[in-house]
Amino acid sequence: MPIDAAAHFPIERQYVAIERDDLLKKIAGLEKEVGQLRQALVSHAVIDQAIGMVITHGRLLPDQGWDVLRTVSQNTNTKVRLIAEQIVQWPYSGRLPQDIQQALEAALARA
């Protein structure tokens, strides 16, 4: 008859439970990190597209495009990612929110 080690050695069972809990926490943390990294990749791509549109629209250098995008974000108190999404959708929707459009025009004029 096999011996149930966990029943005879409660300390070992406690360590196994702790290790399992630690592993589950580690897995949950890694899953969260992977999700954040995926979102960052998408956000980075959208921001790069918006910079391209800004430098084309304003006939600017790439560094100036980033500066314009950041300035619009600061002046409208809106995250850069959200500004970028609006700018990328602008040619398709034909609309840009008025506060973003005004901030963009002002930032382009200063650049």
C-alpha atoms as a PDB file:
ATOM      1  CA  MET A   1       0.000   0.000   0.000  1.00  0.00           C
ATOM      2  CA  PRO A   2       1.492   3.398  -0.996  1.00  0.00           C
ATOM      3  CA  ILE A   3       2.219   5.902   1.732  1.00  0.00           C
ATOM      4  CA  ASP A   4       0.464   9.297   1.532  1.00  0.00           C
ATOM      5  CA  ALA A   5       3.425  11.563   2.192  1.00  0.00           C
ATOM      6  CA  ALA A   6       1.262  14.681   2.543  1.00  0.00           C
ATOM      7  CA  ALA A   7      -0.766  13.060   5.325  1.00  0.00           C
ATOM      8  CA  HIS A   8       2.331  11.932   7.204  1.00  0.00           C
ATOM      9  CA  PHE A   9       4.401  15.019   6.564  1.00  0.00           C
ATOM     10  CA  PRO A  10       2.158  18.109   6.969  1.00  0.00           C
ATOM     11  CA  ILE A  11       5.137  20.476   6.776  1.00  0.00           C
ATOM     12  CA  GLU A  12       5.968  19.278   3.243  1.00  0.00           C
ATOM     13  CA  ARG A  13       2.328  19.724   2.213  1.00  0.00           C
ATOM     14  CA  GLN A  14       2.457  23.304   3.513  1.00  0.00           C
ATOM     15  CA  TYR A  15       5.558  24.030   1.396  1.00  0.00           C
ATOM     16  CA  VAL A  16       3.898  22.564  -1.695  1.00  0.00           C
ATOM     17  CA  ALA A  17       0.839  24.767  -1.133  1.00  0.00           C
ATOM     18  CA  ILE A  18       3.038  27.859  -0.702  1.00  0.00           C
ATOM     19  CA  GLU A  19       5.050  27.044  -3.828  1.00  0.00           C
ATOM     20  CA  ARG A  20       1.837  26.511  -5.822  1.00  0.00           C
ATOM     21  CA  ASP A  21       0.400  29.829  -4.615  1.00  0.00           C
ATOM     22  CA  ASP A  22       3.660  31.576  -5.481  1.00  0.00           C
ATOM     23  CA  LEU A  23       3.633  30.030  -8.954  1.00  0.00           C
ATOM     24  CA  LEU A  24       0.017  31.047  -9.541  1.00  0.00           C
ATOM     25  CA  LYS A  25       0.815  34.621  -8.476  1.00  0.00           C
ATOM     26  CA  LYS A  26       3.869  34.648 -10.736  1.00  0.00           C
ATOM     27  CA  ILE A  27       1.814  33.364 -13.687  1.00  0.00           C
ATOM     28  CA  ALA A  28      -0.875  36.005 -13.086  1.00  0.00           C
ATOM     29  CA  GLY A  29       1.785  38.707 -12.919  1.00  0.00           C
ATOM     30  CA  LEU A  30       3.397  37.524 -16.152  1.00  0.00           C
ATOM     31  CA  GLU A  31       0.023  37.363 -17.930  1.00  0.00           C
ATOM     32  CA  LYS A  32      -0.652  40.943 -16.861  1.00  0.00           C
ATOM     33  CA  GLU A  33       2.784  42.042 -18.083  1.00  0.00           C
ATOM     34  CA  VAL A  34       2.268  40.343 -21.458  1.00  0.00           C
ATOM     35  CA  GLY A  35      -1.057  42.152 -21.841  1.00  0.00           C
ATOM     36  CA  GLN A  36       0.579  45.476 -21.040  1.00  0.00           C
ATOM     37  CA  LEU A  37       3.386  44.833 -23.518  1.00  0.00           C
ATOM     38  CA  ARG A  38       0.887  43.957 -26.246  1.00  0.00           C
ATOM     39  CA  GLN A  39      -1.008  47.186 -25.573  1.00  0.00           C
ATOM     40  CA  ALA A  40       2.246  49.138 -25.643  1.00  0.00           C
ATOM     41  CA  LEU A  41       3.103  47.690 -29.049  1.00  0.00           C
ATOM     42  CA  VAL A  42      -0.262  48.733 -30.455  1.00  0.00           C
ATOM     43  CA  SER A  43       0.008  52.182 -28.892  1.00  0.00           C
ATOM     44  CA  HIS A  44       3.528  52.636 -30.240  1.00  0.00           C
ATOM     45  CA  ALA A  45       2.401  51.744 -33.760  1.00  0.00           C
ATOM     46  CA  VAL A  46      -0.493  54.213 -33.636  1.00  0.00           C
ATOM     47  CA  ILE A  47       1.757  56.956 -32.268  1.00  0.00           C
ATOM     48  CA  ASP A  48       4.292  56.312 -35.038  1.00  0.00           C
ATOM     49  CA  GLN A  49       1.522  56.559 -37.647  1.00  0.00           C
ATOM     50  CA  ALA A  50       0.300  59.822 -36.141  1.00  0.00           C
ATOM     51  CA  ILE A  51       3.825  61.245 -36.147  1.00  0.00           C
ATOM     52  CA  GLY A  52       4.067  60.348 -39.820  1.00  0.00           C
ATOM     53  CA  MET A  53       0.824  62.141 -40.545  1.00  0.00           C
ATOM     54  CA  VAL A  54       1.886  65.204 -38.547  1.00  0.00           C
ATOM     55  CA  ILE A  55       5.262  65.494 -40.283  1.00  0.00           C
ATOM     56  CA  THR A  56       3.614  65.078 -43.672  1.00  0.00           C
ATOM     57  CA  HIS A  57       0.819  67.533 -42.920  1.00  0.00           C
ATOM     58  CA  GLY A  58       3.160  70.116 -41.417  1.00  0.00           C
ATOM     59  CA  ARG A  59       6.202  69.384 -43.609  1.00  0.00           C
ATOM     60  CA  LEU A  60       8.311  68.756 -40.529  1.00  0.00           C
ATOM     61  CA  LEU A  61      11.241  66.599 -39.483  1.00  0.00           C
ATOM     62  CA  PRO A  62      10.432  63.403 -37.523  1.00  0.00           C
ATOM     63  CA  ASP A  63      11.664  64.849 -34.207  1.00  0.00           C
ATOM     64  CA  GLN A  64       9.429  67.858 -34.736  1.00  0.00           C
ATOM     65  CA  GLY A  65       6.483  65.537 -35.374  1.00  0.00           C
ATOM     66  CA  TRP A  66       6.920  63.923 -31.960  1.00  0.00           C
ATOM     67  CA  ASP A  67       7.254  67.351 -30.330  1.00  0.00           C
ATOM     68  CA  VAL A  68       4.036  68.535 -31.994  1.00  0.00           C
ATOM     69  CA  LEU A  69       2.167  65.428 -30.890  1.00  0.00           C
ATOM     70  CA  ARG A  70       3.426  65.808 -27.319  1.00  0.00           C
ATOM     71  CA  THR A  71       2.533  69.522 -27.284  1.00  0.00           C
ATOM     72  CA  VAL A  72      -1.014  68.785 -28.492  1.00  0.00           C
ATOM     73  CA  SER A  73      -1.308  66.178 -25.749  1.00  0.00           C
ATOM     74  CA  GLN A  74      -0.150  68.607 -23.070  1.00  0.00           C
ATOM     75  CA  ASN A  75      -2.280  71.499 -24.297  1.00  0.00           C
ATOM     76  CA  THR A  76      -5.453  69.400 -24.432  1.00  0.00           C
ATOM     77  CA  ASN A  77      -4.668  67.398 -21.287  1.00  0.00           C
ATOM     78  CA  THR A  78      -5.165  64.201 -23.295  1.00  0.00           C
ATOM     79  CA  LYS A  79      -2.914  61.148 -23.444  1.00  0.00           C
ATOM     80  CA  VAL A  80      -0.590  61.017 -26.451  1.00  0.00           C
ATOM     81  CA  ARG A  81      -2.060  57.643 -27.440  1.00  0.00           C
ATOM     82  CA  LEU A  82      -5.570  59.105 -27.619  1.00  0.00           C
ATOM     83  CA  ILE A  83      -4.361  62.120 -29.616  1.00  0.00           C
ATOM     84  CA  ALA A  84      -2.585  59.731 -31.981  1.00  0.00           C
ATOM     85  CA  GLU A  85      -5.728  57.636 -32.435  1.00  0.00           C
ATOM     86  CA  GLN A  86      -7.738  60.754 -33.308  1.00  0.00           C
ATOM     87  CA  ILE A  87      -5.131  61.955 -35.805  1.00  0.00           C
ATOM     88  CA  VAL A  88      -4.859  58.534 -37.480  1.00  0.00           C
ATOM     89  CA  GLN A  89      -8.665  58.349 -37.845  1.00  0.00           C
ATOM     90  CA  TRP A  90      -8.920  61.916 -39.109  1.00  0.00           C
ATOM     91  CA  PRO A  91      -8.591  61.148 -42.877  1.00  0.00           C
ATOM     92  CA  TYR A  92     -11.230  58.413 -42.632  1.00  0.00           C
ATOM     93  CA  SER A  93     -13.731  60.234 -40.459  1.00  0.00           C
ATOM     94  CA  GLY A  94     -13.108  63.682 -41.909  1.00  0.00           C
ATOM     95  CA  ARG A  95     -13.294  65.077 -38.380  1.00  0.00           C
ATOM     96  CA  LEU A  96     -10.850  65.996 -35.693  1.00  0.00           C
ATOM     97  CA  PRO A  97     -12.185  67.182 -32.321  1.00  0.00           C
ATOM     98  CA  GLN A  98     -12.030  70.970 -32.249  1.00  0.00           C
ATOM     99  CA  ASP A  99      -9.745  71.212 -29.219  1.00  0.00           C
ATOM    100  CA  ILE A 100      -7.270  68.799 -30.807  1.00  0.00           C
ATOM    101  CA  GLN A 101      -7.468  70.561 -34.163  1.00  0.00           C
ATOM    102  CA  GLN A 102      -6.815  73.963 -32.590  1.00  0.00           C
ATOM    103  CA  ALA A 103      -3.934  72.629 -30.513  1.00  0.00           C
ATOM    104  CA  LEU A 104      -2.497  70.863 -33.569  1.00  0.00           C
ATOM    105  CA  GLU A 105      -2.668  74.010 -35.714  1.00  0.00           C
ATOM    106  CA  ALA A 106      -1.029  76.072 -32.976  1.00  0.00           C
ATOM    107  CA  ALA A 107       1.724  73.497 -32.430  1.00  0.00           C
ATOM    108  CA  LEU A 108       2.362  73.248 -36.183  1.00  0.00           C
ATOM    109  CA  ALA A 109       2.571  77.043 -36.444  1.00  0.00           C
ATOM    110  CA  ARG A 110       5.192  77.095 -33.659  1.00  0.00           C
ATOM    111  CA  ALA A 111       7.191  74.241 -35.218  1.00  0.00           C
END
